[in-house]
Amino acid sequence: MNKMSNDVLNLALLICAAEMAVQSSPGHM
């Protein structure tokens, strides 16, 4: 794996975690 694909994977994981946090936290859409 080259570094670029690794960065894309990390970015996708961050977005996924952020969406889950927003959905589980009260007061957010």
C-alpha atoms as a PDB file:
ATOM      1  CA  MET A   1       0.000   0.000   0.000  1.00  0.00           C
ATOM      2  CA  ASN A   2       1.261   3.459  -0.811  1.00  0.00           C
ATOM      3  CA  LYS A   3       0.876   6.434   1.511  1.00  0.00           C
ATOM      4  CA  MET A   4      -1.904   8.083  -0.473  1.00  0.00           C
ATOM      5  CA  SER A   5      -4.318   5.150  -0.213  1.00  0.00           C
ATOM      6  CA  ASN A   6      -3.488   4.912   3.494  1.00  0.00           C
ATOM      7  CA  ASP A   7      -4.407   8.586   3.968  1.00  0.00           C
ATOM      8  CA  VAL A   8      -7.681   8.044   2.116  1.00  0.00           C
ATOM      9  CA  LEU A   9      -8.491   5.089   4.377  1.00  0.00           C
ATOM     10  CA  ASN A  10      -7.746   7.113   7.498  1.00  0.00           C
ATOM     11  CA  LEU A  11      -9.900   9.966   6.204  1.00  0.00           C
ATOM     12  CA  ALA A  12     -12.812   7.605   5.529  1.00  0.00           C
ATOM     13  CA  LEU A  13     -12.515   6.173   9.055  1.00  0.00           C
ATOM     14  CA  LEU A  14     -12.470   9.673  10.537  1.00  0.00           C
ATOM     15  CA  ILE A  15     -15.607  10.675   8.606  1.00  0.00           C
ATOM     16  CA  CYS A  16     -17.349   7.462   9.657  1.00  0.00           C
ATOM     17  CA  ALA A  17     -16.485   8.017  13.325  1.00  0.00           C
ATOM     18  CA  ALA A  18     -17.564  11.658  13.158  1.00  0.00           C
ATOM     19  CA  GLU A  19     -20.957  10.753  11.677  1.00  0.00           C
ATOM     20  CA  MET A  20     -21.528   8.109  14.367  1.00  0.00           C
ATOM     21  CA  ALA A  21     -20.614  10.618  17.091  1.00  0.00           C
ATOM     22  CA  VAL A  22     -23.003  13.228  15.680  1.00  0.00           C
ATOM     23  CA  GLN A  23     -25.844  10.702  15.439  1.00  0.00           C
ATOM     24  CA  SER A  24     -25.343   9.398  18.983  1.00  0.00           C
ATOM     25  CA  SER A  25     -25.045  12.854  20.567  1.00  0.00           C
ATOM     26  CA  PRO A  26     -28.246  14.721  21.524  1.00  0.00           C
ATOM     27  CA  GLY A  27     -29.023  18.139  20.089  1.00  0.00           C
ATOM     28  CA  HIS A  28     -27.755  17.314  16.588  1.00  0.00           C
ATOM     29  CA  MET A  29     -29.688  16.516  13.453  1.00  0.00           C
END
